[in-house]
Amino acid sequence: MAFFVLEIVKKKNVIISEGSRPFWQLIIAAFFYTVAIYFLYSFFSTIDLYAKSKAVKSSFSALEAGILAFMAGMGFSSTKDYYFDFKNNRFKPVFRVGPIKIGKWQALKKLEYISIFKNPKEEFEVNLWYDRNRHFNISLFDVKNDAISEGKQIAKELSIKLLDATIANNHKWLSLE
């Protein structure tokens, strides 16, 4: 389970990050990347398009194995971050693998409210709702009061409302004081 971390960089700028991967996952990722390099080297060193069809199929099998191993390595080493620039009303989802970051700024139409609810795993989620029915999971907490405290801080910073939805069918708006 990814735990999100909230950092208020400057007023109206927020970063929501999955954080870093555990060391054991990075070791597994390194293994898959090594396997990918081996199979890609095998493909490029043995490819001969003018050879018999069995040799060509064997080379392409190595390419396929290399691609699959690379994708498995990505699964064990990638994280996703969200950068918010509320001053310019935009956000950027960023896909990150090590020092490489890929993302593009997108318009953020309207911030609605912050909500706190209890998920099936008995954790309290703090979510930022925008554009009527879209949301970002900002953080997870084991204790309800910690989630409410975090939600109040974010709602104050963004000047939006806070909804307590921890009890099913009994939602209530909370005061930010």
N, C-alpha and C. Protein backbone atom coordinates (compact mmCIF):
# COMPACT_ATOMS: atom_id res chain seq x y z
N MET A 1 0.85 -1.18 0.00
CA MET A 1 0.00 0.00 0.00
C MET A 1 0.88 1.22 0.00
N ALA A 2 0.60 2.16 -0.85
CA ALA A 2 1.37 3.39 -0.93
C ALA A 2 0.83 4.41 0.06
N PHE A 3 1.70 4.98 0.85
CA PHE A 3 1.30 6.04 1.76
C PHE A 3 1.73 7.35 1.14
N PHE A 4 0.80 8.25 1.02
CA PHE A 4 1.09 9.51 0.38
C PHE A 4 1.62 10.49 1.40
N VAL A 5 2.52 11.34 0.97
CA VAL A 5 3.13 12.33 1.82
C VAL A 5 2.75 13.69 1.27
N LEU A 6 2.35 14.61 2.14
CA LEU A 6 1.98 15.93 1.71
C LEU A 6 3.05 16.91 2.14
N GLU A 7 3.50 17.72 1.22
CA GLU A 7 4.46 18.76 1.53
C GLU A 7 3.91 20.07 1.01
N ILE A 8 3.82 21.07 1.87
CA ILE A 8 3.42 22.39 1.41
C ILE A 8 4.71 23.14 1.15
N VAL A 9 5.04 23.33 -0.12
CA VAL A 9 6.30 23.92 -0.51
C VAL A 9 6.26 25.42 -0.30
N LYS A 10 5.34 26.10 -0.92
CA LYS A 10 5.11 27.52 -0.75
C LYS A 10 3.61 27.68 -0.68
N LYS A 11 3.19 28.84 -0.32
CA LYS A 11 1.74 29.05 -0.26
C LYS A 11 1.14 28.75 -1.62
N LYS A 12 0.17 27.88 -1.63
CA LYS A 12 -0.58 27.48 -2.82
C LYS A 12 0.19 26.51 -3.72
N ASN A 13 1.31 25.95 -3.29
CA ASN A 13 2.01 24.91 -4.03
C ASN A 13 2.10 23.67 -3.15
N VAL A 14 1.67 22.53 -3.70
CA VAL A 14 1.61 21.30 -2.92
C VAL A 14 2.18 20.16 -3.75
N ILE A 15 2.89 19.25 -3.09
CA ILE A 15 3.38 18.03 -3.72
C ILE A 15 2.80 16.85 -2.96
N ILE A 16 2.15 15.94 -3.68
CA ILE A 16 1.66 14.70 -3.09
C ILE A 16 2.50 13.60 -3.69
N SER A 17 3.19 12.85 -2.85
CA SER A 17 4.15 11.86 -3.33
C SER A 17 3.92 10.50 -2.70
N GLU A 18 4.14 9.45 -3.47
CA GLU A 18 4.11 8.10 -2.92
C GLU A 18 5.35 7.82 -2.09
N GLY A 19 6.34 8.67 -2.20
CA GLY A 19 7.59 8.47 -1.47
C GLY A 19 8.51 7.53 -2.23
N SER A 20 9.43 6.94 -1.53
CA SER A 20 10.40 6.04 -2.15
C SER A 20 9.95 4.59 -2.00
N ARG A 21 10.41 3.76 -2.90
CA ARG A 21 10.14 2.32 -2.81
C ARG A 21 10.99 1.70 -1.72
N PRO A 22 10.51 0.64 -1.08
CA PRO A 22 11.33 -0.08 -0.09
C PRO A 22 12.56 -0.69 -0.77
N PHE A 23 13.61 -0.86 0.01
CA PHE A 23 14.88 -1.36 -0.52
C PHE A 23 14.72 -2.72 -1.19
N TRP A 24 13.92 -3.61 -0.60
CA TRP A 24 13.75 -4.96 -1.17
C TRP A 24 13.11 -4.89 -2.56
N GLN A 25 12.22 -3.92 -2.79
CA GLN A 25 11.62 -3.78 -4.11
C GLN A 25 12.64 -3.26 -5.12
N LEU A 26 13.54 -2.40 -4.67
CA LEU A 26 14.59 -1.90 -5.56
C LEU A 26 15.55 -3.02 -5.96
N ILE A 27 15.81 -3.96 -5.04
CA ILE A 27 16.67 -5.11 -5.37
C ILE A 27 16.00 -5.98 -6.43
N ILE A 28 14.70 -6.23 -6.27
CA ILE A 28 13.97 -7.02 -7.27
C ILE A 28 13.96 -6.29 -8.61
N ALA A 29 13.76 -4.96 -8.58
CA ALA A 29 13.78 -4.17 -9.81
C ALA A 29 15.15 -4.27 -10.49
N ALA A 30 16.22 -4.19 -9.70
CA ALA A 30 17.58 -4.30 -10.27
C ALA A 30 17.77 -5.66 -10.93
N PHE A 31 17.24 -6.71 -10.31
CA PHE A 31 17.32 -8.04 -10.91
C PHE A 31 16.61 -8.07 -12.27
N PHE A 32 15.39 -7.55 -12.33
CA PHE A 32 14.65 -7.55 -13.59
C PHE A 32 15.33 -6.69 -14.65
N TYR A 33 15.91 -5.54 -14.25
CA TYR A 33 16.62 -4.71 -15.22
C TYR A 33 17.85 -5.45 -15.76
N THR A 34 18.53 -6.18 -14.89
CA THR A 34 19.70 -6.96 -15.34
C THR A 34 19.29 -8.04 -16.32
N VAL A 35 18.19 -8.73 -16.03
CA VAL A 35 17.67 -9.75 -16.94
C VAL A 35 17.28 -9.11 -18.27
N ALA A 36 16.67 -7.93 -18.22
CA ALA A 36 16.28 -7.22 -19.44
C ALA A 36 17.50 -6.89 -20.29
N ILE A 37 18.55 -6.41 -19.66
CA ILE A 37 19.77 -6.07 -20.40
C ILE A 37 20.36 -7.33 -21.04
N TYR A 38 20.37 -8.43 -20.30
CA TYR A 38 20.89 -9.69 -20.85
C TYR A 38 20.12 -10.10 -22.10
N PHE A 39 18.78 -10.11 -22.02
CA PHE A 39 17.98 -10.54 -23.16
C PHE A 39 18.06 -9.56 -24.33
N LEU A 40 18.14 -8.27 -24.05
CA LEU A 40 18.29 -7.30 -25.14
C LEU A 40 19.65 -7.45 -25.82
N TYR A 41 20.70 -7.68 -25.02
CA TYR A 41 22.01 -7.94 -25.61
C TYR A 41 21.96 -9.21 -26.46
N SER A 42 21.31 -10.23 -25.93
CA SER A 42 21.16 -11.49 -26.67
C SER A 42 20.44 -11.26 -27.99
N PHE A 43 19.39 -10.47 -27.97
CA PHE A 43 18.64 -10.17 -29.20
C PHE A 43 19.52 -9.47 -30.23
N PHE A 44 20.17 -8.38 -29.80
CA PHE A 44 20.96 -7.60 -30.76
C PHE A 44 22.21 -8.32 -31.24
N SER A 45 22.75 -9.23 -30.44
CA SER A 45 23.95 -9.94 -30.88
C SER A 45 23.63 -11.14 -31.76
N THR A 46 22.40 -11.64 -31.72
CA THR A 46 22.07 -12.83 -32.52
C THR A 46 21.09 -12.57 -33.65
N ILE A 47 20.55 -11.37 -33.75
CA ILE A 47 19.54 -11.10 -34.78
C ILE A 47 20.16 -11.19 -36.17
N ASP A 48 19.55 -11.96 -37.01
CA ASP A 48 19.96 -12.08 -38.41
C ASP A 48 18.67 -12.30 -39.19
N LEU A 49 18.18 -11.24 -39.76
CA LEU A 49 16.89 -11.30 -40.45
C LEU A 49 16.92 -12.20 -41.68
N TYR A 50 18.12 -12.54 -42.16
CA TYR A 50 18.23 -13.40 -43.35
C TYR A 50 18.44 -14.86 -42.99
N ALA A 51 18.41 -15.16 -41.69
CA ALA A 51 18.61 -16.54 -41.24
C ALA A 51 17.30 -17.31 -41.38
N LYS A 52 17.35 -18.58 -40.98
CA LYS A 52 16.14 -19.41 -41.02
C LYS A 52 15.11 -18.87 -40.03
N SER A 53 13.88 -19.20 -40.25
CA SER A 53 12.80 -18.64 -39.44
C SER A 53 12.92 -19.02 -37.96
N LYS A 54 13.49 -20.21 -37.65
CA LYS A 54 13.66 -20.60 -36.25
C LYS A 54 14.63 -19.66 -35.54
N ALA A 55 15.71 -19.29 -36.19
CA ALA A 55 16.70 -18.39 -35.59
C ALA A 55 16.11 -17.00 -35.39
N VAL A 56 15.31 -16.53 -36.33
CA VAL A 56 14.68 -15.22 -36.21
C VAL A 56 13.67 -15.24 -35.06
N LYS A 57 12.88 -16.32 -34.98
CA LYS A 57 11.90 -16.44 -33.90
C LYS A 57 12.60 -16.48 -32.55
N SER A 58 13.73 -17.18 -32.47
CA SER A 58 14.49 -17.25 -31.22
C SER A 58 14.99 -15.86 -30.81
N SER A 59 15.47 -15.10 -31.78
CA SER A 59 15.94 -13.75 -31.48
C SER A 59 14.81 -12.87 -30.99
N PHE A 60 13.67 -12.97 -31.62
CA PHE A 60 12.53 -12.16 -31.20
C PHE A 60 11.96 -12.63 -29.86
N SER A 61 12.13 -13.89 -29.53
CA SER A 61 11.74 -14.37 -28.20
C SER A 61 12.60 -13.71 -27.14
N ALA A 62 13.89 -13.54 -27.43
CA ALA A 62 14.79 -12.85 -26.50
C ALA A 62 14.36 -11.39 -26.34
N LEU A 63 13.96 -10.75 -27.44
CA LEU A 63 13.48 -9.37 -27.37
C LEU A 63 12.22 -9.28 -26.50
N GLU A 64 11.31 -10.20 -26.71
CA GLU A 64 10.07 -10.23 -25.93
C GLU A 64 10.37 -10.42 -24.45
N ALA A 65 11.26 -11.35 -24.11
CA ALA A 65 11.63 -11.59 -22.71
C ALA A 65 12.29 -10.35 -22.12
N GLY A 66 13.11 -9.67 -22.91
CA GLY A 66 13.77 -8.44 -22.44
C GLY A 66 12.76 -7.34 -22.13
N ILE A 67 11.78 -7.19 -23.00
CA ILE A 67 10.75 -6.17 -22.78
C ILE A 67 9.92 -6.50 -21.54
N LEU A 68 9.54 -7.77 -21.38
CA LEU A 68 8.77 -8.17 -20.20
C LEU A 68 9.56 -7.97 -18.90
N ALA A 69 10.84 -8.30 -18.92
CA ALA A 69 11.68 -8.11 -17.74
C ALA A 69 11.83 -6.62 -17.42
N PHE A 70 11.97 -5.79 -18.44
CA PHE A 70 12.07 -4.35 -18.25
C PHE A 70 10.79 -3.80 -17.62
N MET A 71 9.64 -4.27 -18.11
CA MET A 71 8.35 -3.82 -17.56
C MET A 71 8.19 -4.26 -16.10
N ALA A 72 8.64 -5.46 -15.77
CA ALA A 72 8.58 -5.92 -14.39
C ALA A 72 9.47 -5.05 -13.50
N GLY A 73 10.65 -4.69 -14.00
CA GLY A 73 11.54 -3.79 -13.26
C GLY A 73 10.90 -2.44 -13.03
N MET A 74 10.19 -1.94 -14.02
CA MET A 74 9.48 -0.66 -13.88
C MET A 74 8.41 -0.77 -12.80
N GLY A 75 7.72 -1.89 -12.75
CA GLY A 75 6.68 -2.08 -11.75
C GLY A 75 7.21 -2.05 -10.33
N PHE A 76 8.45 -2.50 -10.14
CA PHE A 76 9.04 -2.53 -8.81
C PHE A 76 9.83 -1.27 -8.47
N SER A 77 10.01 -0.35 -9.42
CA SER A 77 10.82 0.82 -9.13
C SER A 77 10.14 2.15 -9.40
N SER A 78 8.95 2.15 -9.95
CA SER A 78 8.30 3.41 -10.31
C SER A 78 7.39 3.92 -9.18
N THR A 79 7.23 5.23 -9.14
CA THR A 79 6.30 5.87 -8.21
C THR A 79 5.57 6.97 -8.96
N LYS A 80 4.50 7.47 -8.36
CA LYS A 80 3.73 8.54 -8.98
C LYS A 80 3.59 9.67 -7.98
N ASP A 81 3.85 10.87 -8.45
CA ASP A 81 3.72 12.07 -7.64
C ASP A 81 2.74 13.02 -8.32
N TYR A 82 2.18 13.92 -7.54
CA TYR A 82 1.32 14.97 -8.09
C TYR A 82 1.85 16.31 -7.61
N TYR A 83 2.06 17.22 -8.55
CA TYR A 83 2.48 18.57 -8.23
C TYR A 83 1.30 19.50 -8.48
N PHE A 84 0.98 20.32 -7.48
CA PHE A 84 -0.12 21.26 -7.61
C PHE A 84 0.42 22.68 -7.56
N ASP A 85 -0.01 23.50 -8.48
CA ASP A 85 0.29 24.92 -8.50
C ASP A 85 -1.06 25.63 -8.46
N PHE A 86 -1.54 25.88 -7.23
CA PHE A 86 -2.87 26.45 -7.08
C PHE A 86 -2.92 27.92 -7.48
N LYS A 87 -1.79 28.58 -7.45
CA LYS A 87 -1.75 29.98 -7.87
C LYS A 87 -2.10 30.09 -9.36
N ASN A 88 -1.58 29.16 -10.16
CA ASN A 88 -1.86 29.14 -11.60
C ASN A 88 -2.96 28.15 -11.96
N ASN A 89 -3.57 27.54 -10.95
CA ASN A 89 -4.70 26.63 -11.12
C ASN A 89 -4.38 25.46 -12.06
N ARG A 90 -3.31 24.73 -11.72
CA ARG A 90 -2.91 23.59 -12.55
C ARG A 90 -2.28 22.50 -11.68
N PHE A 91 -2.19 21.29 -12.23
CA PHE A 91 -1.53 20.18 -11.55
C PHE A 91 -0.78 19.35 -12.58
N LYS A 92 0.17 18.57 -12.06
CA LYS A 92 0.98 17.74 -12.95
C LYS A 92 1.18 16.37 -12.31
N PRO A 93 0.58 15.31 -12.89
CA PRO A 93 0.92 13.96 -12.43
C PRO A 93 2.29 13.59 -12.98
N VAL A 94 3.17 13.12 -12.12
CA VAL A 94 4.55 12.81 -12.52
C VAL A 94 4.82 11.33 -12.27
N PHE A 95 5.22 10.62 -13.31
CA PHE A 95 5.65 9.23 -13.23
C PHE A 95 7.15 9.26 -13.03
N ARG A 96 7.65 8.63 -11.94
CA ARG A 96 9.06 8.74 -11.58
C ARG A 96 9.70 7.37 -11.44
N VAL A 97 10.85 7.19 -12.10
CA VAL A 97 11.69 6.01 -11.95
C VAL A 97 13.09 6.52 -11.68
N GLY A 98 13.53 6.39 -10.43
CA GLY A 98 14.83 6.93 -10.05
C GLY A 98 14.85 8.44 -10.27
N PRO A 99 15.88 8.96 -10.92
CA PRO A 99 15.94 10.40 -11.15
C PRO A 99 15.14 10.87 -12.38
N ILE A 100 14.57 9.96 -13.12
CA ILE A 100 13.83 10.31 -14.33
C ILE A 100 12.37 10.59 -13.97
N LYS A 101 11.90 11.78 -14.37
CA LYS A 101 10.53 12.19 -14.09
C LYS A 101 9.85 12.57 -15.40
N ILE A 102 8.62 12.08 -15.58
CA ILE A 102 7.85 12.41 -16.78
C ILE A 102 6.48 12.89 -16.34
N GLY A 103 6.07 14.05 -16.81
CA GLY A 103 4.76 14.59 -16.47
C GLY A 103 4.47 15.84 -17.27
N LYS A 104 3.20 16.23 -17.29
CA LYS A 104 2.77 17.38 -18.07
C LYS A 104 1.73 18.16 -17.26
N TRP A 105 1.85 19.47 -17.25
CA TRP A 105 0.90 20.30 -16.53
C TRP A 105 -0.48 20.22 -17.19
N GLN A 106 -1.51 20.16 -16.32
CA GLN A 106 -2.89 20.13 -16.79
C GLN A 106 -3.69 21.15 -16.00
N ALA A 107 -4.74 21.68 -16.61
CA ALA A 107 -5.58 22.67 -15.93
C ALA A 107 -6.40 22.00 -14.83
N LEU A 108 -6.51 22.69 -13.73
CA LEU A 108 -7.33 22.25 -12.61
C LEU A 108 -8.49 23.23 -12.52
N LYS A 109 -9.66 22.78 -12.90
CA LYS A 109 -10.78 23.70 -13.06
C LYS A 109 -11.26 24.30 -11.76
N LYS A 110 -11.72 23.48 -10.82
CA LYS A 110 -12.25 24.04 -9.59
C LYS A 110 -12.06 23.08 -8.43
N LEU A 111 -11.45 23.59 -7.35
CA LEU A 111 -11.31 22.80 -6.13
C LEU A 111 -12.64 22.85 -5.38
N GLU A 112 -13.12 21.68 -4.95
CA GLU A 112 -14.41 21.62 -4.28
C GLU A 112 -14.25 21.58 -2.76
N TYR A 113 -13.66 20.49 -2.24
CA TYR A 113 -13.54 20.32 -0.79
C TYR A 113 -12.55 19.20 -0.47
N ILE A 114 -12.23 19.08 0.81
CA ILE A 114 -11.42 17.99 1.34
C ILE A 114 -12.38 17.04 2.04
N SER A 115 -12.23 15.73 1.83
CA SER A 115 -13.08 14.77 2.53
C SER A 115 -12.21 13.77 3.29
N ILE A 116 -12.78 13.27 4.37
CA ILE A 116 -12.12 12.23 5.17
C ILE A 116 -13.11 11.09 5.30
N PHE A 117 -12.67 9.89 4.93
CA PHE A 117 -13.55 8.74 5.09
C PHE A 117 -12.76 7.50 5.46
N LYS A 118 -13.47 6.52 5.99
CA LYS A 118 -12.86 5.27 6.42
C LYS A 118 -12.99 4.25 5.31
N ASN A 119 -11.86 3.71 4.86
CA ASN A 119 -11.89 2.72 3.77
C ASN A 119 -12.09 1.31 4.33
N PRO A 120 -12.28 0.31 3.48
CA PRO A 120 -12.51 -1.07 3.96
C PRO A 120 -11.36 -1.65 4.79
N LYS A 121 -10.16 -1.08 4.68
CA LYS A 121 -9.01 -1.57 5.45
C LYS A 121 -8.90 -0.88 6.81
N GLU A 122 -9.97 -0.16 7.20
CA GLU A 122 -10.02 0.53 8.48
C GLU A 122 -8.99 1.66 8.57
N GLU A 123 -8.65 2.26 7.43
CA GLU A 123 -7.75 3.41 7.39
C GLU A 123 -8.57 4.64 7.04
N PHE A 124 -8.10 5.78 7.47
CA PHE A 124 -8.80 7.04 7.19
C PHE A 124 -8.08 7.75 6.04
N GLU A 125 -8.80 7.98 4.95
CA GLU A 125 -8.25 8.63 3.77
C GLU A 125 -8.61 10.10 3.76
N VAL A 126 -7.65 10.92 3.37
CA VAL A 126 -7.89 12.34 3.16
C VAL A 126 -7.82 12.57 1.66
N ASN A 127 -8.92 13.06 1.08
CA ASN A 127 -9.02 13.24 -0.37
C ASN A 127 -9.30 14.69 -0.72
N LEU A 128 -8.73 15.15 -1.82
CA LEU A 128 -9.00 16.47 -2.37
C LEU A 128 -9.92 16.29 -3.57
N TRP A 129 -11.12 16.87 -3.49
CA TRP A 129 -12.10 16.75 -4.56
C TRP A 129 -12.06 18.00 -5.42
N TYR A 130 -12.14 17.79 -6.74
CA TYR A 130 -12.12 18.91 -7.69
C TYR A 130 -12.98 18.55 -8.90
N ASP A 131 -13.35 19.57 -9.65
CA ASP A 131 -14.16 19.40 -10.87
C ASP A 131 -15.37 18.49 -10.63
N ARG A 132 -16.08 18.71 -9.55
CA ARG A 132 -17.33 18.06 -9.15
C ARG A 132 -17.16 16.62 -8.66
N ASN A 133 -16.57 15.71 -9.43
CA ASN A 133 -16.53 14.31 -8.98
C ASN A 133 -15.16 13.66 -9.12
N ARG A 134 -14.11 14.42 -9.28
CA ARG A 134 -12.76 13.86 -9.38
C ARG A 134 -12.02 14.13 -8.08
N HIS A 135 -11.10 13.22 -7.72
CA HIS A 135 -10.37 13.42 -6.47
C HIS A 135 -8.98 12.80 -6.50
N PHE A 136 -8.15 13.29 -5.58
CA PHE A 136 -6.82 12.75 -5.33
C PHE A 136 -6.78 12.27 -3.89
N ASN A 137 -6.18 11.11 -3.68
CA ASN A 137 -5.95 10.63 -2.33
C ASN A 137 -4.69 11.31 -1.84
N ILE A 138 -4.82 12.12 -0.81
CA ILE A 138 -3.68 12.89 -0.31
C ILE A 138 -2.88 12.10 0.71
N SER A 139 -3.58 11.44 1.66
CA SER A 139 -2.85 10.69 2.67
C SER A 139 -3.74 9.66 3.34
N LEU A 140 -3.10 8.75 4.06
CA LEU A 140 -3.78 7.69 4.82
C LEU A 140 -3.35 7.78 6.28
N PHE A 141 -4.30 7.55 7.18
CA PHE A 141 -4.01 7.57 8.61
C PHE A 141 -4.69 6.39 9.29
N ASP A 142 -4.11 5.95 10.39
CA ASP A 142 -4.72 4.90 11.21
C ASP A 142 -5.65 5.48 12.26
N VAL A 143 -5.44 6.75 12.60
CA VAL A 143 -6.21 7.42 13.65
C VAL A 143 -7.06 8.53 13.03
N LYS A 144 -8.34 8.55 13.37
CA LYS A 144 -9.28 9.51 12.80
C LYS A 144 -8.87 10.96 13.10
N ASN A 145 -8.46 11.24 14.34
CA ASN A 145 -8.10 12.61 14.71
C ASN A 145 -6.91 13.14 13.90
N ASP A 146 -5.96 12.26 13.59
CA ASP A 146 -4.82 12.67 12.76
C ASP A 146 -5.29 13.05 11.36
N ALA A 147 -6.21 12.27 10.81
CA ALA A 147 -6.74 12.55 9.48
C ALA A 147 -7.51 13.86 9.48
N ILE A 148 -8.31 14.10 10.50
CA ILE A 148 -9.07 15.36 10.57
C ILE A 148 -8.14 16.55 10.72
N SER A 149 -7.11 16.40 11.53
CA SER A 149 -6.13 17.48 11.71
C SER A 149 -5.45 17.82 10.38
N GLU A 150 -5.02 16.80 9.65
CA GLU A 150 -4.38 17.00 8.35
C GLU A 150 -5.36 17.64 7.36
N GLY A 151 -6.60 17.14 7.35
CA GLY A 151 -7.63 17.70 6.47
C GLY A 151 -7.90 19.16 6.75
N LYS A 152 -7.96 19.53 8.04
CA LYS A 152 -8.18 20.94 8.41
C LYS A 152 -7.04 21.82 7.93
N GLN A 153 -5.81 21.34 8.10
CA GLN A 153 -4.65 22.13 7.67
C GLN A 153 -4.70 22.38 6.17
N ILE A 154 -5.00 21.35 5.40
CA ILE A 154 -5.04 21.49 3.94
C ILE A 154 -6.21 22.38 3.52
N ALA A 155 -7.38 22.17 4.13
CA ALA A 155 -8.56 22.97 3.79
C ALA A 155 -8.32 24.45 4.10
N LYS A 156 -7.67 24.74 5.22
CA LYS A 156 -7.35 26.14 5.55
C LYS A 156 -6.40 26.73 4.51
N GLU A 157 -5.38 25.97 4.17
CA GLU A 157 -4.38 26.46 3.21
C GLU A 157 -5.01 26.75 1.85
N LEU A 158 -5.97 25.92 1.44
CA LEU A 158 -6.59 26.08 0.12
C LEU A 158 -7.89 26.88 0.17
N SER A 159 -8.33 27.26 1.36
CA SER A 159 -9.58 28.01 1.54
C SER A 159 -10.78 27.28 0.95
N ILE A 160 -10.91 26.01 1.31
CA ILE A 160 -12.06 25.20 0.87
C ILE A 160 -12.66 24.50 2.08
N LYS A 161 -13.79 23.84 1.91
CA LYS A 161 -14.52 23.19 3.00
C LYS A 161 -13.94 21.80 3.31
N LEU A 162 -14.31 21.28 4.50
CA LEU A 162 -13.86 19.97 4.96
C LEU A 162 -15.07 19.11 5.31
N LEU A 163 -15.15 17.93 4.70
CA LEU A 163 -16.27 17.01 4.91
C LEU A 163 -15.79 15.78 5.69
N ASP A 164 -16.48 15.48 6.79
CA ASP A 164 -16.21 14.27 7.57
C ASP A 164 -17.19 13.20 7.10
N ALA A 165 -16.68 12.21 6.34
CA ALA A 165 -17.51 11.13 5.83
C ALA A 165 -17.05 9.79 6.40
N THR A 166 -16.58 9.82 7.65
CA THR A 166 -16.04 8.59 8.25
C THR A 166 -17.13 7.62 8.67
N ILE A 167 -18.34 8.13 8.89
CA ILE A 167 -19.47 7.27 9.25
C ILE A 167 -20.39 7.21 8.04
N ALA A 168 -20.68 6.01 7.56
CA ALA A 168 -21.50 5.83 6.36
C ALA A 168 -22.88 6.48 6.56
N ASN A 169 -23.33 7.17 5.53
CA ASN A 169 -24.63 7.85 5.51
C ASN A 169 -24.81 8.89 6.61
N ASN A 170 -23.71 9.40 7.14
CA ASN A 170 -23.78 10.45 8.16
C ASN A 170 -22.65 11.44 7.92
N HIS A 171 -22.66 12.09 6.77
CA HIS A 171 -21.62 13.05 6.41
C HIS A 171 -21.91 14.39 7.07
N LYS A 172 -20.87 15.07 7.51
CA LYS A 172 -21.06 16.40 8.10
C LYS A 172 -19.88 17.29 7.76
N TRP A 173 -20.20 18.56 7.54
CA TRP A 173 -19.17 19.55 7.24
C TRP A 173 -18.56 19.99 8.57
N LEU A 174 -17.23 20.06 8.61
CA LEU A 174 -16.53 20.43 9.84
C LEU A 174 -16.08 21.88 9.78
N SER A 175 -16.00 22.48 10.95
CA SER A 175 -15.49 23.84 11.08
C SER A 175 -13.97 23.78 10.98
N LEU A 176 -13.36 24.80 10.40
CA LEU A 176 -11.90 24.82 10.24
C LEU A 176 -11.17 25.47 11.41
N GLU A 177 -11.90 25.93 12.42
CA GLU A 177 -11.24 26.54 13.59
C GLU A 177 -10.68 25.50 14.51
